């Protein structure tokens, strides 16, 4: 296994350390886990295609890419706090 050095701000380094410690992990192990678990855009597109094919085959034949885009926009709105906030 090769070592790599990256330059990050002290505040991010400290945050990484805290996040790792909270999980009983080394910073290195935590970063490896997070990066390994984060899909690339290609992997995300492949997952979406498989999910759409499943929905079309088993749940709703007329499910379209437009439905996927609408769901993605809805999810983004929730994540941005534009929907679903406390009143």
N, C-alpha and C. Protein backbone atom coordinates (compact mmCIF):
# COMPACT_ATOMS: atom_id res chain seq x y z
N UNK A 1 0.85 -1.17 0.00
CA UNK A 1 0.00 0.00 0.00
C UNK A 1 0.89 1.23 0.00
N UNK A 2 0.63 2.14 -0.90
CA UNK A 2 1.43 3.35 -0.99
C UNK A 2 0.86 4.46 -0.13
N UNK A 3 1.74 5.33 0.32
CA UNK A 3 1.31 6.49 1.09
C UNK A 3 1.16 7.68 0.17
N UNK A 4 0.16 8.49 0.44
CA UNK A 4 -0.08 9.71 -0.32
C UNK A 4 -0.29 10.84 0.67
N UNK A 5 0.25 11.98 0.37
CA UNK A 5 0.05 13.15 1.20
C UNK A 5 -0.85 14.12 0.46
N UNK A 6 -1.87 14.60 1.17
CA UNK A 6 -2.73 15.64 0.60
C UNK A 6 -2.71 16.83 1.53
N UNK A 7 -2.86 18.00 0.97
CA UNK A 7 -2.87 19.22 1.77
C UNK A 7 -4.32 19.66 1.93
N UNK A 8 -4.73 19.76 3.20
CA UNK A 8 -6.06 20.23 3.54
C UNK A 8 -5.93 21.24 4.68
N UNK A 9 -6.97 21.99 4.89
CA UNK A 9 -6.92 22.98 5.96
C UNK A 9 -6.88 22.27 7.32
N UNK A 10 -6.38 22.98 8.31
CA UNK A 10 -6.31 22.40 9.66
C UNK A 10 -7.70 22.07 10.18
N UNK A 11 -8.68 22.91 9.87
CA UNK A 11 -10.02 22.65 10.39
C UNK A 11 -10.60 21.35 9.79
N UNK A 12 -10.34 21.09 8.52
CA UNK A 12 -10.82 19.86 7.91
C UNK A 12 -10.04 18.67 8.46
N UNK A 13 -8.74 18.82 8.64
CA UNK A 13 -7.94 17.75 9.23
C UNK A 13 -8.48 17.39 10.61
N UNK A 14 -8.77 18.42 11.41
CA UNK A 14 -9.29 18.17 12.75
C UNK A 14 -10.67 17.52 12.70
N UNK A 15 -11.48 17.94 11.75
CA UNK A 15 -12.81 17.34 11.59
C UNK A 15 -12.70 15.87 11.20
N UNK A 16 -11.81 15.57 10.26
CA UNK A 16 -11.58 14.17 9.87
C UNK A 16 -11.17 13.34 11.08
N UNK A 17 -10.25 13.89 11.84
CA UNK A 17 -9.77 13.18 13.03
C UNK A 17 -10.92 12.92 14.01
N UNK A 18 -11.75 13.92 14.24
CA UNK A 18 -12.89 13.77 15.16
C UNK A 18 -13.88 12.73 14.63
N UNK A 19 -14.22 12.83 13.35
CA UNK A 19 -15.14 11.86 12.76
C UNK A 19 -14.61 10.44 12.88
N UNK A 20 -13.33 10.27 12.62
CA UNK A 20 -12.72 8.94 12.72
C UNK A 20 -12.74 8.44 14.16
N UNK A 21 -12.36 9.30 15.10
CA UNK A 21 -12.33 8.90 16.51
C UNK A 21 -13.72 8.51 17.00
N UNK A 22 -14.75 9.26 16.57
CA UNK A 22 -16.12 8.93 16.98
C UNK A 22 -16.54 7.54 16.52
N UNK A 23 -15.89 7.07 15.48
CA UNK A 23 -16.21 5.74 14.95
C UNK A 23 -15.20 4.69 15.35
N UNK A 24 -14.25 5.08 16.21
CA UNK A 24 -13.24 4.14 16.66
C UNK A 24 -12.27 3.73 15.57
N UNK A 25 -11.99 4.66 14.66
CA UNK A 25 -11.14 4.36 13.51
C UNK A 25 -9.97 5.33 13.46
N UNK A 26 -8.94 4.93 12.73
CA UNK A 26 -7.87 5.87 12.43
C UNK A 26 -8.38 6.81 11.33
N UNK A 27 -7.74 7.96 11.21
CA UNK A 27 -8.12 8.89 10.15
C UNK A 27 -7.94 8.24 8.80
N UNK A 28 -6.85 7.52 8.62
CA UNK A 28 -6.59 6.84 7.35
C UNK A 28 -7.70 5.85 7.02
N UNK A 29 -8.08 5.02 8.00
CA UNK A 29 -9.13 4.03 7.77
C UNK A 29 -10.46 4.71 7.45
N UNK A 30 -10.75 5.81 8.15
CA UNK A 30 -12.00 6.53 7.91
C UNK A 30 -12.03 7.10 6.49
N UNK A 31 -10.95 7.75 6.08
CA UNK A 31 -10.91 8.32 4.73
C UNK A 31 -11.04 7.22 3.69
N UNK A 32 -10.36 6.10 3.89
CA UNK A 32 -10.46 4.99 2.95
C UNK A 32 -11.89 4.49 2.85
N UNK A 33 -12.57 4.37 4.00
CA UNK A 33 -13.95 3.88 4.00
C UNK A 33 -14.87 4.85 3.27
N UNK A 34 -14.73 6.14 3.56
CA UNK A 34 -15.61 7.13 2.92
C UNK A 34 -15.39 7.15 1.41
N UNK A 35 -14.14 7.17 1.00
CA UNK A 35 -13.85 7.23 -0.44
C UNK A 35 -14.32 5.95 -1.13
N UNK A 36 -14.08 4.80 -0.52
CA UNK A 36 -14.50 3.54 -1.13
C UNK A 36 -16.02 3.45 -1.26
N UNK A 37 -16.75 4.08 -0.33
CA UNK A 37 -18.20 4.00 -0.33
C UNK A 37 -18.87 5.06 -1.19
N UNK A 38 -18.10 6.01 -1.71
CA UNK A 38 -18.67 7.09 -2.52
C UNK A 38 -18.61 6.70 -3.99
N UNK A 39 -19.78 6.55 -4.62
CA UNK A 39 -19.78 6.12 -6.02
C UNK A 39 -19.33 7.22 -6.97
N UNK A 40 -18.70 6.81 -8.05
CA UNK A 40 -18.35 7.73 -9.12
C UNK A 40 -19.62 8.08 -9.88
N UNK A 41 -19.53 9.09 -10.74
CA UNK A 41 -20.70 9.44 -11.57
C UNK A 41 -21.09 8.26 -12.46
N UNK A 42 -20.12 7.54 -12.98
CA UNK A 42 -20.42 6.37 -13.81
C UNK A 42 -21.16 5.31 -13.00
N UNK A 43 -20.69 5.05 -11.79
CA UNK A 43 -21.35 4.06 -10.94
C UNK A 43 -22.77 4.50 -10.59
N UNK A 44 -22.95 5.80 -10.31
CA UNK A 44 -24.29 6.31 -10.01
C UNK A 44 -25.21 6.13 -11.21
N UNK A 45 -24.72 6.42 -12.41
CA UNK A 45 -25.53 6.26 -13.61
C UNK A 45 -25.90 4.80 -13.82
N UNK A 46 -24.96 3.89 -13.57
CA UNK A 46 -25.23 2.46 -13.71
C UNK A 46 -26.29 2.01 -12.71
N UNK A 47 -26.20 2.48 -11.47
CA UNK A 47 -27.19 2.14 -10.44
C UNK A 47 -28.57 2.65 -10.84
N UNK A 48 -28.60 3.88 -11.34
CA UNK A 48 -29.87 4.46 -11.76
C UNK A 48 -30.48 3.65 -12.89
N UNK A 49 -29.67 3.27 -13.87
CA UNK A 49 -30.16 2.48 -15.00
C UNK A 49 -30.72 1.14 -14.52
N UNK A 50 -30.02 0.49 -13.59
CA UNK A 50 -30.51 -0.79 -13.05
C UNK A 50 -31.82 -0.59 -12.29
N UNK A 51 -31.91 0.49 -11.53
CA UNK A 51 -33.13 0.76 -10.76
C UNK A 51 -34.31 1.05 -11.69
N UNK A 52 -34.07 1.85 -12.72
CA UNK A 52 -35.13 2.15 -13.68
C UNK A 52 -35.60 0.88 -14.36
N UNK A 53 -34.67 0.03 -14.78
CA UNK A 53 -35.04 -1.23 -15.43
C UNK A 53 -35.87 -2.11 -14.50
N UNK A 54 -35.50 -2.15 -13.22
CA UNK A 54 -36.26 -2.95 -12.26
C UNK A 54 -37.67 -2.40 -12.10
N UNK A 55 -37.78 -1.09 -11.92
CA UNK A 55 -39.10 -0.49 -11.74
C UNK A 55 -39.97 -0.74 -12.97
N UNK A 56 -39.40 -0.57 -14.15
CA UNK A 56 -40.16 -0.80 -15.38
C UNK A 56 -40.58 -2.26 -15.50
N UNK A 57 -39.73 -3.18 -15.09
CA UNK A 57 -40.03 -4.61 -15.23
C UNK A 57 -41.00 -5.12 -14.17
N UNK A 58 -40.96 -4.53 -12.98
CA UNK A 58 -41.71 -5.12 -11.87
C UNK A 58 -42.79 -4.23 -11.26
N UNK A 59 -42.71 -2.93 -11.49
CA UNK A 59 -43.64 -2.05 -10.79
C UNK A 59 -44.47 -1.16 -11.70
N UNK A 60 -43.81 -0.54 -12.66
CA UNK A 60 -44.52 0.44 -13.50
C UNK A 60 -43.88 0.50 -14.87
N UNK A 61 -44.50 -0.11 -15.84
CA UNK A 61 -43.94 -0.19 -17.19
C UNK A 61 -43.72 1.18 -17.83
N UNK A 62 -44.55 2.16 -17.45
CA UNK A 62 -44.47 3.48 -18.08
C UNK A 62 -43.52 4.43 -17.35
N UNK A 63 -42.70 3.93 -16.46
CA UNK A 63 -41.71 4.74 -15.73
C UNK A 63 -40.65 5.22 -16.71
N UNK A 64 -40.35 6.53 -16.69
CA UNK A 64 -39.46 7.11 -17.69
C UNK A 64 -38.26 7.82 -17.05
N UNK A 65 -37.33 8.21 -17.89
CA UNK A 65 -36.20 9.01 -17.43
C UNK A 65 -36.69 10.36 -16.88
N UNK A 66 -37.78 10.85 -17.41
CA UNK A 66 -38.37 12.08 -16.88
C UNK A 66 -38.80 11.91 -15.43
N UNK A 67 -39.33 10.73 -15.10
CA UNK A 67 -39.69 10.44 -13.71
C UNK A 67 -38.45 10.44 -12.83
N UNK A 68 -37.35 9.91 -13.35
CA UNK A 68 -36.10 9.88 -12.60
C UNK A 68 -35.63 11.31 -12.35
N UNK A 69 -35.64 12.14 -13.39
CA UNK A 69 -35.22 13.54 -13.23
C UNK A 69 -36.09 14.27 -12.22
N UNK A 70 -37.37 14.04 -12.27
CA UNK A 70 -38.29 14.68 -11.32
C UNK A 70 -37.96 14.25 -9.89
N UNK A 71 -37.71 12.98 -9.70
CA UNK A 71 -37.36 12.48 -8.37
C UNK A 71 -36.03 13.07 -7.90
N UNK A 72 -35.06 13.19 -8.81
CA UNK A 72 -33.77 13.77 -8.45
C UNK A 72 -33.92 15.24 -8.07
N UNK A 73 -34.76 15.97 -8.78
CA UNK A 73 -35.01 17.37 -8.46
C UNK A 73 -35.70 17.50 -7.11
N UNK A 74 -36.64 16.62 -6.84
CA UNK A 74 -37.35 16.61 -5.57
C UNK A 74 -36.38 16.33 -4.42
N UNK A 75 -35.51 15.34 -4.61
CA UNK A 75 -34.51 15.01 -3.58
C UNK A 75 -33.56 16.18 -3.34
N UNK A 76 -33.13 16.84 -4.42
CA UNK A 76 -32.23 17.99 -4.28
C UNK A 76 -32.92 19.12 -3.52
N UNK A 77 -34.19 19.34 -3.79
CA UNK A 77 -34.93 20.38 -3.09
C UNK A 77 -35.02 20.10 -1.60
N UNK A 78 -35.21 18.83 -1.24
CA UNK A 78 -35.25 18.45 0.17
C UNK A 78 -33.88 18.67 0.80
N UNK A 79 -32.82 18.22 0.10
CA UNK A 79 -31.46 18.37 0.63
C UNK A 79 -31.07 19.83 0.79
N UNK A 80 -31.56 20.70 -0.11
CA UNK A 80 -31.25 22.13 -0.05
C UNK A 80 -32.12 22.88 0.95
N UNK A 81 -33.10 22.20 1.53
CA UNK A 81 -33.98 22.84 2.49
C UNK A 81 -35.12 23.61 1.86
N UNK A 82 -35.34 23.42 0.56
CA UNK A 82 -36.45 24.11 -0.11
C UNK A 82 -37.76 23.39 0.09
N UNK A 83 -37.72 22.13 0.50
CA UNK A 83 -38.93 21.34 0.77
C UNK A 83 -38.76 20.58 2.08
N UNK A 84 -39.87 20.34 2.74
CA UNK A 84 -39.84 19.48 3.90
C UNK A 84 -39.30 20.09 5.19
N UNK A 85 -39.09 21.38 5.20
CA UNK A 85 -38.58 22.02 6.40
C UNK A 85 -39.63 22.16 7.47
N UNK A 86 -39.18 22.44 8.67
CA UNK A 86 -40.12 22.67 9.78
C UNK A 86 -40.88 23.96 9.56
N UNK A 87 -42.09 23.95 10.00
CA UNK A 87 -42.93 25.15 9.86
C UNK A 87 -43.15 25.77 11.19
